[in-house]
Amino acid sequence: MRACFVALFTSFFLFSVQAEPTDGFVSDLNLGLTLNRGNTENSLMNIGLQTRNKTEVGDFRASFVYNYGETTREEGDGTSTSFTSTDNTKAEVQYNHLFSERAYGLVALSAFRDELAEIQYRILTGPGLGYFLVRNEVWSLAVEAGLSYLVEEVDNETDDYAVFRFAQLYERALSENASVWQNLEYLPESADFENYLLNFEIGAQAKLNGNLSLRVVLIQRYDNTPAAGNERSDWSLVSGISYRL
């Protein structure tokens, strides 16, 4: 948790210059690959697709991310053992409709699965309200709140319940070719605040040339009541290239 707040406050003091806003659909294909070879062989692949359409009264965004990792270890007797180290997928869709310059309504849908965390599926959907504390051509800071419905199968047991959703979203243009962002989402069960999810993300992207950019994202997923035998917190640092379609 301490790292989340340090990252949040650090991002507020990054130097920025004015960047021109973009209109219409903007889509990016994100690819990442990490390979380690030696006594232990690791392979980690990341692929994602995101699209966004901002207009004067609305903001539509959708994304899909798949992460897969495999580790092979050489044993002393010459044999090798392979196992999956990462296998998760996340898809999100959200539409914001502006009521005024700063206030907006929203509807969101997300789906998540994680093989190693024994999350067969976790689907969250619901409406909400949002408000821009700051909104200009350089940076924006918004807060959101709403009531959503969660349906999940974890450790082969299904469950469904209402959750409150509280979120904070931050974006800043560092230049015409570079930007940073940071999101924080808190999802407590409406009937039991001890059962909650916490999602944190901070990232940066800088154009290399043409349609290619370098992209680095730090993600934390925290589940206060995980499946038996699993850790509450999962961290991942993903770096790769992004191609503007």
C-alpha atoms as a PDB file:
ATOM      1  CA  MET A   1       0.000   0.000   0.000  1.00  0.00           C
ATOM      2  CA  ARG A   2       2.827   2.426   0.839  1.00  0.00           C
ATOM      3  CA  ALA A   3       4.224   2.045  -2.684  1.00  0.00           C
ATOM      4  CA  CYS A   4       0.823   2.959  -4.143  1.00  0.00           C
ATOM      5  CA  PHE A   5       0.644   6.277  -2.340  1.00  0.00           C
ATOM      6  CA  VAL A   6       4.306   7.128  -2.966  1.00  0.00           C
ATOM      7  CA  ALA A   7       3.743   6.581  -6.682  1.00  0.00           C
ATOM      8  CA  LEU A   8       0.570   8.655  -6.593  1.00  0.00           C
ATOM      9  CA  PHE A   9       2.124  11.705  -4.961  1.00  0.00           C
ATOM     10  CA  THR A  10       5.330  11.442  -7.010  1.00  0.00           C
ATOM     11  CA  SER A  11       3.330  11.594 -10.238  1.00  0.00           C
ATOM     12  CA  PHE A  12       1.787  14.944  -9.270  1.00  0.00           C
ATOM     13  CA  PHE A  13       5.159  16.686  -9.368  1.00  0.00           C
ATOM     14  CA  LEU A  14       6.347  15.459 -12.772  1.00  0.00           C
ATOM     15  CA  PHE A  15       7.279  18.275 -15.170  1.00  0.00           C
ATOM     16  CA  SER A  16       4.760  18.784 -17.984  1.00  0.00           C
ATOM     17  CA  VAL A  17       4.162  20.889 -21.073  1.00  0.00           C
ATOM     18  CA  GLN A  18       0.954  21.462 -22.966  1.00  0.00           C
ATOM     19  CA  ALA A  19      -0.105  18.725 -25.406  1.00  0.00           C
ATOM     20  CA  GLU A  20      -2.763  18.954 -28.085  1.00  0.00           C
ATOM     21  CA  PRO A  21      -5.928  16.932 -27.372  1.00  0.00           C
ATOM     22  CA  THR A  22      -6.909  14.112 -29.749  1.00  0.00           C
ATOM     23  CA  ASP A  23     -10.397  13.378 -31.082  1.00  0.00           C
ATOM     24  CA  GLY A  24     -11.892  10.226 -32.616  1.00  0.00           C
ATOM     25  CA  PHE A  25     -10.918   6.619 -32.047  1.00  0.00           C
ATOM     26  CA  VAL A  26      -7.276   6.068 -31.065  1.00  0.00           C
ATOM     27  CA  SER A  27      -6.112   2.434 -30.775  1.00  0.00           C
ATOM     28  CA  ASP A  28      -2.840   0.904 -29.595  1.00  0.00           C
ATOM     29  CA  LEU A  29      -1.448  -2.617 -29.784  1.00  0.00           C
ATOM     30  CA  ASN A  30       0.897  -3.353 -26.848  1.00  0.00           C
ATOM     31  CA  LEU A  31       3.484  -6.137 -26.919  1.00  0.00           C
ATOM     32  CA  GLY A  32       5.988  -7.241 -24.292  1.00  0.00           C
ATOM     33  CA  LEU A  33       8.417 -10.173 -24.103  1.00  0.00           C
ATOM     34  CA  THR A  34      10.933 -11.107 -21.395  1.00  0.00           C
ATOM     35  CA  LEU A  35      13.364 -14.033 -21.751  1.00  0.00           C
ATOM     36  CA  ASN A  36      15.888 -15.365 -19.211  1.00  0.00           C
ATOM     37  CA  ARG A  37      18.228 -18.248 -20.017  1.00  0.00           C
ATOM     38  CA  GLY A  38      20.661 -20.154 -17.766  1.00  0.00           C
ATOM     39  CA  ASN A  39      20.124 -22.418 -14.782  1.00  0.00           C
ATOM     40  CA  THR A  40      16.492 -21.272 -14.848  1.00  0.00           C
ATOM     41  CA  GLU A  41      14.693 -20.402 -18.075  1.00  0.00           C
ATOM     42  CA  ASN A  42      11.885 -17.827 -17.877  1.00  0.00           C
ATOM     43  CA  SER A  43       9.591 -16.606 -20.622  1.00  0.00           C
ATOM     44  CA  LEU A  44       6.979 -13.908 -20.078  1.00  0.00           C
ATOM     45  CA  MET A  45       4.681 -12.633 -22.814  1.00  0.00           C
ATOM     46  CA  ASN A  46       2.270  -9.727 -22.665  1.00  0.00           C
ATOM     47  CA  ILE A  47      -0.182  -8.670 -25.367  1.00  0.00           C
ATOM     48  CA  GLY A  48      -2.812  -5.961 -25.104  1.00  0.00           C
ATOM     49  CA  LEU A  49      -5.148  -3.887 -27.215  1.00  0.00           C
ATOM     50  CA  GLN A  50      -6.759  -0.632 -26.148  1.00  0.00           C
ATOM     51  CA  THR A  51      -8.952   1.915 -27.862  1.00  0.00           C
ATOM     52  CA  ARG A  52     -10.415   5.263 -26.845  1.00  0.00           C
ATOM     53  CA  ASN A  53     -12.779   7.810 -28.350  1.00  0.00           C
ATOM     54  CA  LYS A  54     -13.083  11.247 -26.716  1.00  0.00           C
ATOM     55  CA  THR A  55     -15.721  13.728 -27.822  1.00  0.00           C
ATOM     56  CA  GLU A  56     -17.067  16.952 -26.346  1.00  0.00           C
ATOM     57  CA  VAL A  57     -19.706  15.067 -24.321  1.00  0.00           C
ATOM     58  CA  GLY A  58     -18.402  11.512 -24.017  1.00  0.00           C
ATOM     59  CA  ASP A  59     -15.355   9.335 -23.391  1.00  0.00           C
ATOM     60  CA  PHE A  60     -15.403   5.681 -24.491  1.00  0.00           C
ATOM     61  CA  ARG A  61     -12.509   3.371 -23.677  1.00  0.00           C
ATOM     62  CA  ALA A  62     -11.971  -0.376 -23.982  1.00  0.00           C
ATOM     63  CA  SER A  63      -8.965  -2.607 -23.329  1.00  0.00           C
ATOM     64  CA  PHE A  64      -7.871  -6.247 -23.403  1.00  0.00           C
ATOM     65  CA  VAL A  65      -4.702  -7.660 -21.809  1.00  0.00           C
ATOM     66  CA  TYR A  66      -3.302 -11.203 -21.737  1.00  0.00           C
ATOM     67  CA  ASN A  67      -0.208 -12.220 -19.727  1.00  0.00           C
ATOM     68  CA  TYR A  68       1.464 -15.621 -19.903  1.00  0.00           C
ATOM     69  CA  GLY A  69       4.708 -16.808 -18.320  1.00  0.00           C
ATOM     70  CA  GLU A  70       6.504 -20.141 -18.132  1.00  0.00           C
ATOM     71  CA  THR A  71       9.535 -21.257 -16.110  1.00  0.00           C
ATOM     72  CA  THR A  72      11.803 -24.245 -16.826  1.00  0.00           C
ATOM     73  CA  ARG A  73      14.263 -25.363 -14.155  1.00  0.00           C
ATOM     74  CA  GLU A  74      17.188 -27.729 -14.766  1.00  0.00           C
ATOM     75  CA  GLU A  75      17.498 -30.376 -12.051  1.00  0.00           C
ATOM     76  CA  GLY A  76      20.760 -31.875 -10.792  1.00  0.00           C
ATOM     77  CA  ASP A  77      20.129 -35.199 -12.523  1.00  0.00           C
ATOM     78  CA  GLY A  78      19.859 -33.548 -15.929  1.00  0.00           C
ATOM     79  CA  THR A  79      16.080 -33.511 -16.109  1.00  0.00           C
ATOM     80  CA  SER A  80      14.005 -30.349 -16.374  1.00  0.00           C
ATOM     81  CA  THR A  81      10.763 -29.230 -14.756  1.00  0.00           C
ATOM     82  CA  SER A  82       8.422 -26.724 -16.404  1.00  0.00           C
ATOM     83  CA  PHE A  83       5.515 -24.892 -14.853  1.00  0.00           C
ATOM     84  CA  THR A  84       3.288 -21.914 -15.639  1.00  0.00           C
ATOM     85  CA  SER A  85       4.277 -18.821 -13.647  1.00  0.00           C
ATOM     86  CA  THR A  86       1.715 -16.343 -15.054  1.00  0.00           C
ATOM     87  CA  ASP A  87      -1.620 -16.836 -16.813  1.00  0.00           C
ATOM     88  CA  ASN A  88      -4.223 -14.080 -16.571  1.00  0.00           C
ATOM     89  CA  THR A  89      -6.578 -12.086 -18.781  1.00  0.00           C
ATOM     90  CA  LYS A  90      -8.440  -8.821 -18.247  1.00  0.00           C
ATOM     91  CA  ALA A  91     -10.959  -6.958 -20.405  1.00  0.00           C
ATOM     92  CA  GLU A  92     -12.587  -3.599 -19.590  1.00  0.00           C
ATOM     93  CA  VAL A  93     -15.146  -1.298 -21.213  1.00  0.00           C
ATOM     94  CA  GLN A  94     -16.276   2.078 -19.815  1.00  0.00           C
ATOM     95  CA  TYR A  95     -18.281   4.982 -21.178  1.00  0.00           C
ATOM     96  CA  ASN A  96     -18.419   8.407 -19.514  1.00  0.00           C
ATOM     97  CA  HIS A  97     -21.070  10.972 -20.446  1.00  0.00           C
ATOM     98  CA  LEU A  98     -20.439  14.567 -19.423  1.00  0.00           C
ATOM     99  CA  PHE A  99     -23.267  16.431 -17.655  1.00  0.00           C
ATOM    100  CA  SER A 100     -21.144  19.566 -17.329  1.00  0.00           C
ATOM    101  CA  GLU A 101     -17.529  20.576 -17.782  1.00  0.00           C
ATOM    102  CA  ARG A 102     -16.495  18.415 -14.805  1.00  0.00           C
ATOM    103  CA  ALA A 103     -19.378  16.128 -13.732  1.00  0.00           C
ATOM    104  CA  TYR A 104     -20.201  12.928 -15.617  1.00  0.00           C
ATOM    105  CA  GLY A 105     -22.126   9.682 -15.408  1.00  0.00           C
ATOM    106  CA  LEU A 106     -20.594   6.353 -16.331  1.00  0.00           C
ATOM    107  CA  VAL A 107     -21.326   2.702 -16.990  1.00  0.00           C
ATOM    108  CA  ALA A 108     -18.550   0.103 -16.817  1.00  0.00           C
ATOM    109  CA  LEU A 109     -18.004  -3.606 -17.420  1.00  0.00           C
ATOM    110  CA  SER A 110     -14.884  -5.624 -16.606  1.00  0.00           C
ATOM    111  CA  ALA A 111     -13.944  -9.310 -16.718  1.00  0.00           C
ATOM    112  CA  PHE A 112     -10.873 -10.936 -15.166  1.00  0.00           C
ATOM    113  CA  ARG A 113      -9.401 -14.421 -14.855  1.00  0.00           C
ATOM    114  CA  ASP A 114      -6.194 -15.631 -13.204  1.00  0.00           C
ATOM    115  CA  GLU A 115      -5.231 -19.285 -13.427  1.00  0.00           C
ATOM    116  CA  LEU A 116      -2.616 -19.177 -10.659  1.00  0.00           C
ATOM    117  CA  ALA A 117      -4.866 -17.238  -8.249  1.00  0.00           C
ATOM    118  CA  GLU A 118      -7.633 -19.783  -8.971  1.00  0.00           C
ATOM    119  CA  ILE A 119      -9.959 -17.078 -10.268  1.00  0.00           C
ATOM    120  CA  GLN A 120     -11.927 -18.847 -12.990  1.00  0.00           C
ATOM    121  CA  TYR A 121     -13.773 -15.598 -13.721  1.00  0.00           C
ATOM    122  CA  ARG A 122     -14.655 -12.339 -12.018  1.00  0.00           C
ATOM    123  CA  ILE A 123     -17.160 -10.052 -13.779  1.00  0.00           C
ATOM    124  CA  LEU A 124     -18.034  -6.585 -12.503  1.00  0.00           C
ATOM    125  CA  THR A 125     -20.612  -4.238 -13.974  1.00  0.00           C
ATOM    126  CA  GLY A 126     -22.544  -1.179 -12.880  1.00  0.00           C
ATOM    127  CA  PRO A 127     -23.179   2.559 -13.195  1.00  0.00           C
ATOM    128  CA  GLY A 128     -21.546   5.414 -11.329  1.00  0.00           C
ATOM    129  CA  LEU A 129     -20.856   9.115 -11.099  1.00  0.00           C
ATOM    130  CA  GLY A 130     -17.589  10.919 -11.660  1.00  0.00           C
ATOM    131  CA  TYR A 131     -16.144  14.374 -11.133  1.00  0.00           C
ATOM    132  CA  PHE A 132     -12.995  16.026 -12.501  1.00  0.00           C
ATOM    133  CA  LEU A 133     -11.161  17.816  -9.707  1.00  0.00           C
ATOM    134  CA  VAL A 134      -8.793  19.115 -12.398  1.00  0.00           C
ATOM    135  CA  ARG A 135      -9.362  18.983 -16.157  1.00  0.00           C
ATOM    136  CA  ASN A 136      -7.332  20.804 -18.790  1.00  0.00           C
ATOM    137  CA  GLU A 137      -5.229  20.054 -21.865  1.00  0.00           C
ATOM    138  CA  VAL A 138      -2.182  19.119 -19.788  1.00  0.00           C
ATOM    139  CA  TRP A 139      -3.523  16.927 -17.001  1.00  0.00           C
ATOM    140  CA  SER A 140      -6.663  15.656 -15.330  1.00  0.00           C
ATOM    141  CA  LEU A 141      -7.586  14.226 -11.946  1.00  0.00           C
ATOM    142  CA  ALA A 142     -10.985  12.556 -11.478  1.00  0.00           C
ATOM    143  CA  VAL A 143     -12.801  10.643  -8.747  1.00  0.00           C
ATOM    144  CA  GLU A 144     -15.598   8.123  -9.320  1.00  0.00           C
ATOM    145  CA  ALA A 145     -18.145   6.354  -7.105  1.00  0.00           C
ATOM    146  CA  GLY A 146     -20.940   3.904  -7.785  1.00  0.00           C
ATOM    147  CA  LEU A 147     -22.684   0.656  -6.909  1.00  0.00           C
ATOM    148  CA  SER A 148     -21.750  -2.379  -9.003  1.00  0.00           C
ATOM    149  CA  TYR A 149     -22.597  -6.054  -9.125  1.00  0.00           C
ATOM    150  CA  LEU A 150     -19.891  -8.713  -8.971  1.00  0.00           C
ATOM    151  CA  VAL A 151     -20.203 -12.312 -10.207  1.00  0.00           C
ATOM    152  CA  GLU A 152     -17.264 -14.666  -9.728  1.00  0.00           C
ATOM    153  CA  GLU A 153     -15.991 -18.221  -9.551  1.00  0.00           C
ATOM    154  CA  VAL A 154     -12.969 -18.554  -7.283  1.00  0.00           C
ATOM    155  CA  ASP A 155     -11.425 -21.887  -6.326  1.00  0.00           C
ATOM    156  CA  ASN A 156     -14.353 -23.573  -8.164  1.00  0.00           C
ATOM    157  CA  GLU A 157     -16.927 -21.868  -5.930  1.00  0.00           C
ATOM    158  CA  THR A 158     -19.363 -19.332  -7.416  1.00  0.00           C
ATOM    159  CA  ASP A 159     -20.577 -16.196  -5.651  1.00  0.00           C
ATOM    160  CA  ASP A 160     -22.309 -12.916  -6.475  1.00  0.00           C
ATOM    161  CA  TYR A 161     -22.912  -9.766  -4.476  1.00  0.00           C
ATOM    162  CA  ALA A 162     -23.138  -5.968  -4.673  1.00  0.00           C
ATOM    163  CA  VAL A 163     -19.987  -3.901  -4.223  1.00  0.00           C
ATOM    164  CA  PHE A 164     -19.306  -0.220  -3.799  1.00  0.00           C
ATOM    165  CA  ARG A 165     -16.820   1.173  -6.295  1.00  0.00           C
ATOM    166  CA  PHE A 166     -14.537   4.101  -5.474  1.00  0.00           C
ATOM    167  CA  ALA A 167     -11.892   5.127  -7.995  1.00  0.00           C
ATOM    168  CA  GLN A 168      -9.319   7.836  -8.650  1.00  0.00           C
ATOM    169  CA  LEU A 169      -7.849   8.466 -12.112  1.00  0.00           C
ATOM    170  CA  TYR A 170      -4.906  10.675 -13.052  1.00  0.00           C
ATOM    171  CA  GLU A 171      -3.441  11.495 -16.484  1.00  0.00           C
ATOM    172  CA  ARG A 172      -0.697  13.923 -17.464  1.00  0.00           C
ATOM    173  CA  ALA A 173       0.952  14.842 -20.760  1.00  0.00           C
ATOM    174  CA  LEU A 174       4.703  15.308 -20.296  1.00  0.00           C
ATOM    175  CA  SER A 175       5.108  16.475 -23.880  1.00  0.00           C
ATOM    176  CA  GLU A 176       3.520  15.883 -27.259  1.00  0.00           C
ATOM    177  CA  ASN A 177       5.248  12.473 -27.296  1.00  0.00           C
ATOM    178  CA  ALA A 178       5.150  11.310 -23.677  1.00  0.00           C
ATOM    179  CA  SER A 179       2.539  10.795 -20.961  1.00  0.00           C
ATOM    180  CA  VAL A 180       1.994   9.203 -17.562  1.00  0.00           C
ATOM    181  CA  TRP A 181      -1.118   7.881 -15.849  1.00  0.00           C
ATOM    182  CA  GLN A 182      -2.150   6.432 -12.487  1.00  0.00           C
ATOM    183  CA  ASN A 183      -5.387   4.720 -11.389  1.00  0.00           C
ATOM    184  CA  LEU A 184      -6.600   3.463  -8.006  1.00  0.00           C
ATOM    185  CA  GLU A 185      -9.798   1.424  -7.524  1.00  0.00           C
ATOM    186  CA  TYR A 186     -11.335   0.222  -4.227  1.00  0.00           C
ATOM    187  CA  LEU A 187     -14.145  -2.381  -4.324  1.00  0.00           C
ATOM    188  CA  PRO A 188     -15.591  -3.371  -0.926  1.00  0.00           C
ATOM    189  CA  GLU A 189     -18.565  -5.719  -0.671  1.00  0.00           C
ATOM    190  CA  SER A 190     -21.607  -3.679   0.333  1.00  0.00           C
ATOM    191  CA  ALA A 191     -22.530  -6.098   3.151  1.00  0.00           C
ATOM    192  CA  ASP A 192     -18.985  -6.886   4.367  1.00  0.00           C
ATOM    193  CA  PHE A 193     -16.220  -4.283   4.093  1.00  0.00           C
ATOM    194  CA  GLU A 194     -13.625  -6.909   5.108  1.00  0.00           C
ATOM    195  CA  ASN A 195     -14.179  -8.522   1.708  1.00  0.00           C
ATOM    196  CA  TYR A 196     -12.654  -6.072  -0.741  1.00  0.00           C
ATOM    197  CA  LEU A 197     -10.493  -5.736  -3.850  1.00  0.00           C
ATOM    198  CA  LEU A 198      -7.910  -3.018  -4.471  1.00  0.00           C
ATOM    199  CA  ASN A 199      -6.470  -2.356  -7.929  1.00  0.00           C
ATOM    200  CA  PHE A 200      -3.577   0.023  -8.581  1.00  0.00           C
ATOM    201  CA  GLU A 201      -1.809   0.946 -11.819  1.00  0.00           C
ATOM    202  CA  ILE A 202       0.819   3.488 -12.773  1.00  0.00           C
ATOM    203  CA  GLY A 203       2.406   3.747 -16.196  1.00  0.00           C
ATOM    204  CA  ALA A 204       4.401   5.852 -18.629  1.00  0.00           C
ATOM    205  CA  GLN A 205       4.597   5.928 -22.408  1.00  0.00           C
ATOM    206  CA  ALA A 206       7.042   7.722 -24.720  1.00  0.00           C
ATOM    207  CA  LYS A 207       7.146   7.776 -28.509  1.00  0.00           C
ATOM    208  CA  LEU A 208      10.229   6.222 -30.122  1.00  0.00           C
ATOM    209  CA  ASN A 209       9.502   7.073 -33.762  1.00  0.00           C
ATOM    210  CA  GLY A 210       6.544   6.963 -36.096  1.00  0.00           C
ATOM    211  CA  ASN A 211       3.792   4.845 -34.537  1.00  0.00           C
ATOM    212  CA  LEU A 212       6.099   3.046 -32.073  1.00  0.00           C
ATOM    213  CA  SER A 213       6.287   3.925 -28.374  1.00  0.00           C
ATOM    214  CA  LEU A 214       7.998   2.512 -25.299  1.00  0.00           C
ATOM    215  CA  ARG A 215       5.545   1.585 -22.542  1.00  0.00           C
ATOM    216  CA  VAL A 216       6.139   0.644 -18.870  1.00  0.00           C
ATOM    217  CA  VAL A 217       3.321  -0.240 -16.448  1.00  0.00           C
ATOM    218  CA  LEU A 218       3.364  -1.239 -12.761  1.00  0.00           C
ATOM    219  CA  ILE A 219       0.225  -3.078 -11.572  1.00  0.00           C
ATOM    220  CA  GLN A 220      -0.913  -4.274  -8.164  1.00  0.00           C
ATOM    221  CA  ARG A 221      -3.995  -6.414  -7.543  1.00  0.00           C
ATOM    222  CA  TYR A 222      -4.944  -6.896  -3.886  1.00  0.00           C
ATOM    223  CA  ASP A 223      -7.634  -9.354  -2.734  1.00  0.00           C
ATOM    224  CA  ASN A 224      -8.286  -9.245   1.003  1.00  0.00           C
ATOM    225  CA  THR A 225     -10.032 -12.658   0.921  1.00  0.00           C
ATOM    226  CA  PRO A 226      -8.126 -14.718  -1.686  1.00  0.00           C
ATOM    227  CA  ALA A 227      -8.562 -18.399  -2.458  1.00  0.00           C
ATOM    228  CA  ALA A 228      -7.034 -20.718   0.152  1.00  0.00           C
ATOM    229  CA  GLY A 229      -3.252 -20.922  -0.130  1.00  0.00           C
ATOM    230  CA  ASN A 230      -2.893 -17.792  -2.260  1.00  0.00           C
ATOM    231  CA  GLU A 231      -1.241 -14.471  -1.431  1.00  0.00           C
ATOM    232  CA  ARG A 232      -3.397 -11.383  -1.035  1.00  0.00           C
ATOM    233  CA  SER A 233      -1.223  -9.164  -3.214  1.00  0.00           C
ATOM    234  CA  ASP A 234       0.007  -9.661  -6.788  1.00  0.00           C
ATOM    235  CA  TRP A 235       2.514  -7.251  -8.351  1.00  0.00           C
ATOM    236  CA  SER A 236       3.606  -7.114 -11.975  1.00  0.00           C
ATOM    237  CA  LEU A 237       5.925  -4.798 -13.903  1.00  0.00           C
ATOM    238  CA  VAL A 238       5.312  -4.914 -17.646  1.00  0.00           C
ATOM    239  CA  SER A 239       7.501  -3.197 -20.238  1.00  0.00           C
ATOM    240  CA  GLY A 240       7.312  -3.387 -24.002  1.00  0.00           C
ATOM    241  CA  ILE A 241       6.449  -1.533 -27.161  1.00  0.00           C
ATOM    242  CA  SER A 242       3.160   0.025 -28.252  1.00  0.00           C
ATOM    243  CA  TYR A 243       2.074   0.407 -31.871  1.00  0.00           C
ATOM    244  CA  ARG A 244      -0.484   3.065 -32.805  1.00  0.00           C
ATOM    245  CA  LEU A 245      -2.961   1.477 -35.233  1.00  0.00           C
END
